[in-house]
Amino acid sequence: MSTYNNLNALVKCSRCGCFVEAEIECFFGYGNLISYEIGDRYEWRPRKAVQNGGRPEEGNIDGEGYTQCPSCGKDFFVKVIVRDDIIRSVEPDSNKKPYMPD
């Protein structure tokens, strides 16, 4: 069973539209409950394929994240943008349907 990492970041809730400081579960890379902030270097599993936590080509990935809005209580998915192994930004993923109904 794989674990995830946590990213603390400001993100716009795709459900209520509020900008919130969210704790985002990141489901890629070396999952070990590591806490990250925007600007941190992301850790990868050595000698593993990307789908198993390994480093993507040139350290670039739009990784999957999941969070719950502290304002409205609804969940939503995000894209965690990593470039050159550095967490650059986070944005709502409008292509991935949340678990909780509206």
C-alpha atoms as a PDB file:
ATOM      1  CA  MET A   1       0.000   0.000   0.000  1.00  0.00           C
ATOM      2  CA  SER A   2       1.310   3.389  -0.992  1.00  0.00           C
ATOM      3  CA  THR A   3       1.173   6.535   1.095  1.00  0.00           C
ATOM      4  CA  TYR A   4       0.969  10.117  -0.050  1.00  0.00           C
ATOM      5  CA  ASN A   5       2.654  13.430   0.733  1.00  0.00           C
ATOM      6  CA  ASN A   6       1.083  16.692   1.928  1.00  0.00           C
ATOM      7  CA  LEU A   7       1.354  20.043   0.191  1.00  0.00           C
ATOM      8  CA  ASN A   8       0.203  23.166   2.029  1.00  0.00           C
ATOM      9  CA  ALA A   9      -0.811  25.745  -0.572  1.00  0.00           C
ATOM     10  CA  LEU A  10      -3.241  28.497  -1.455  1.00  0.00           C
ATOM     11  CA  VAL A  11      -5.715  27.212  -4.044  1.00  0.00           C
ATOM     12  CA  LYS A  12      -9.073  28.264  -5.461  1.00  0.00           C
ATOM     13  CA  CYS A  13     -11.782  25.794  -4.477  1.00  0.00           C
ATOM     14  CA  SER A  14     -13.444  24.484  -7.613  1.00  0.00           C
ATOM     15  CA  ARG A  15     -16.665  23.927  -5.658  1.00  0.00           C
ATOM     16  CA  CYS A  16     -17.300  27.285  -3.903  1.00  0.00           C
ATOM     17  CA  GLY A  17     -14.789  29.586  -5.620  1.00  0.00           C
ATOM     18  CA  CYS A  18     -13.020  30.692  -2.412  1.00  0.00           C
ATOM     19  CA  PHE A  19      -9.245  30.952  -2.234  1.00  0.00           C
ATOM     20  CA  VAL A  20      -8.237  28.748   0.690  1.00  0.00           C
ATOM     21  CA  GLU A  21      -5.094  27.527   2.396  1.00  0.00           C
ATOM     22  CA  ALA A  22      -5.472  23.794   1.806  1.00  0.00           C
ATOM     23  CA  GLU A  23      -3.650  20.637   2.822  1.00  0.00           C
ATOM     24  CA  ILE A  24      -3.348  18.695  -0.432  1.00  0.00           C
ATOM     25  CA  GLU A  25      -2.649  14.965  -0.590  1.00  0.00           C
ATOM     26  CA  CYS A  26      -0.131  14.305  -3.391  1.00  0.00           C
ATOM     27  CA  PHE A  27      -0.347  10.877  -5.013  1.00  0.00           C
ATOM     28  CA  PHE A  28       2.950  10.801  -6.911  1.00  0.00           C
ATOM     29  CA  GLY A  29       6.668  10.605  -6.189  1.00  0.00           C
ATOM     30  CA  TYR A  30       8.197   9.167  -3.036  1.00  0.00           C
ATOM     31  CA  GLY A  31       5.109   8.866  -0.818  1.00  0.00           C
ATOM     32  CA  ASN A  32       6.220   9.076   2.789  1.00  0.00           C
ATOM     33  CA  LEU A  33       3.905  11.653   4.421  1.00  0.00           C
ATOM     34  CA  ILE A  34       6.421  14.399   3.629  1.00  0.00           C
ATOM     35  CA  SER A  35       5.120  17.958   4.142  1.00  0.00           C
ATOM     36  CA  TYR A  36       5.796  20.371   1.279  1.00  0.00           C
ATOM     37  CA  GLU A  37       5.242  24.029   0.423  1.00  0.00           C
ATOM     38  CA  ILE A  38       5.310  25.758  -2.967  1.00  0.00           C
ATOM     39  CA  GLY A  39       8.990  26.151  -3.947  1.00  0.00           C
ATOM     40  CA  ASP A  40      10.181  22.951  -2.244  1.00  0.00           C
ATOM     41  CA  ARG A  41      12.161  20.269  -4.062  1.00  0.00           C
ATOM     42  CA  TYR A  42      10.038  17.134  -4.571  1.00  0.00           C
ATOM     43  CA  GLU A  43      11.465  13.714  -3.667  1.00  0.00           C
ATOM     44  CA  TRP A  44      11.387  10.695  -5.990  1.00  0.00           C
ATOM     45  CA  ARG A  45      12.032   6.984  -5.471  1.00  0.00           C
ATOM     46  CA  PRO A  46      15.421   6.027  -6.942  1.00  0.00           C
ATOM     47  CA  ARG A  47      15.477   3.511  -9.797  1.00  0.00           C
ATOM     48  CA  LYS A  48      11.658   3.303  -9.998  1.00  0.00           C
ATOM     49  CA  ALA A  49       9.253   3.977 -12.853  1.00  0.00           C
ATOM     50  CA  VAL A  50       7.218   7.191 -12.647  1.00  0.00           C
ATOM     51  CA  GLN A  51       4.014   5.274 -11.851  1.00  0.00           C
ATOM     52  CA  ASN A  52       5.867   3.719  -8.899  1.00  0.00           C
ATOM     53  CA  GLY A  53       7.137   7.011  -7.480  1.00  0.00           C
ATOM     54  CA  GLY A  54      10.194   7.433  -9.696  1.00  0.00           C
ATOM     55  CA  ARG A  55      11.468  10.675 -11.185  1.00  0.00           C
ATOM     56  CA  PRO A  56       9.682  11.822 -14.335  1.00  0.00           C
ATOM     57  CA  GLU A  57      11.682  13.026 -17.322  1.00  0.00           C
ATOM     58  CA  GLU A  58      13.571  16.215 -16.388  1.00  0.00           C
ATOM     59  CA  GLY A  59      11.690  16.266 -13.060  1.00  0.00           C
ATOM     60  CA  ASN A  60       8.514  17.588 -14.711  1.00  0.00           C
ATOM     61  CA  ILE A  61       5.025  16.356 -13.853  1.00  0.00           C
ATOM     62  CA  ASP A  62       1.486  17.616 -13.433  1.00  0.00           C
ATOM     63  CA  GLY A  63       0.839  15.366 -10.443  1.00  0.00           C
ATOM     64  CA  GLU A  64      -2.510  14.401  -8.966  1.00  0.00           C
ATOM     65  CA  GLY A  65      -3.563  15.966  -5.695  1.00  0.00           C
ATOM     66  CA  TYR A  66      -6.730  15.783  -3.607  1.00  0.00           C
ATOM     67  CA  THR A  67      -8.073  18.094  -0.927  1.00  0.00           C
ATOM     68  CA  GLN A  68     -11.143  19.211   0.982  1.00  0.00           C
ATOM     69  CA  CYS A  69     -12.052  22.891   1.106  1.00  0.00           C
ATOM     70  CA  PRO A  70     -11.912  24.266   4.674  1.00  0.00           C
ATOM     71  CA  SER A  71     -14.542  26.857   3.682  1.00  0.00           C
ATOM     72  CA  CYS A  72     -17.339  24.765   2.121  1.00  0.00           C
ATOM     73  CA  GLY A  73     -16.265  21.271   3.226  1.00  0.00           C
ATOM     74  CA  LYS A  74     -16.438  19.860  -0.318  1.00  0.00           C
ATOM     75  CA  ASP A  75     -13.627  17.871  -1.915  1.00  0.00           C
ATOM     76  CA  PHE A  76     -11.861  18.436  -5.235  1.00  0.00           C
ATOM     77  CA  PHE A  77      -8.843  17.290  -7.206  1.00  0.00           C
ATOM     78  CA  VAL A  78      -5.914  19.493  -8.177  1.00  0.00           C
ATOM     79  CA  LYS A  79      -2.893  19.384 -10.449  1.00  0.00           C
ATOM     80  CA  VAL A  80       0.381  19.891  -8.620  1.00  0.00           C
ATOM     81  CA  ILE A  81       2.767  21.457 -11.129  1.00  0.00           C
ATOM     82  CA  VAL A  82       6.364  20.281 -10.627  1.00  0.00           C
ATOM     83  CA  ARG A  83       9.124  21.575 -12.935  1.00  0.00           C
ATOM     84  CA  ASP A  84      12.804  20.657 -12.602  1.00  0.00           C
ATOM     85  CA  ASP A  85      11.882  18.803  -9.374  1.00  0.00           C
ATOM     86  CA  ILE A  86      10.514  22.010  -7.786  1.00  0.00           C
ATOM     87  CA  ILE A  87       6.845  22.455  -6.814  1.00  0.00           C
ATOM     88  CA  ARG A  88       5.860  25.525  -8.831  1.00  0.00           C
ATOM     89  CA  SER A  89       2.093  25.824  -8.401  1.00  0.00           C
ATOM     90  CA  VAL A  90      -1.222  24.101  -7.844  1.00  0.00           C
ATOM     91  CA  GLU A  91      -4.472  24.462  -9.779  1.00  0.00           C
ATOM     92  CA  PRO A  92      -7.916  22.843  -9.645  1.00  0.00           C
ATOM     93  CA  ASP A  93      -8.310  19.841 -11.967  1.00  0.00           C
ATOM     94  CA  SER A  94     -11.654  20.383 -13.683  1.00  0.00           C
ATOM     95  CA  ASN A  95     -11.273  17.088 -15.597  1.00  0.00           C
ATOM     96  CA  LYS A  96     -11.419  14.906 -12.477  1.00  0.00           C
ATOM     97  CA  LYS A  97     -14.779  14.488 -10.761  1.00  0.00           C
ATOM     98  CA  PRO A  98     -14.819  14.850  -6.939  1.00  0.00           C
ATOM     99  CA  TYR A  99     -16.083  12.077  -4.672  1.00  0.00           C
ATOM    100  CA  MET A 100     -18.658  14.160  -2.752  1.00  0.00           C
ATOM    101  CA  PRO A 101     -21.854  15.143  -4.573  1.00  0.00           C
ATOM    102  CA  ASP A 102     -22.807  18.807  -4.970  1.00  0.00           C
END
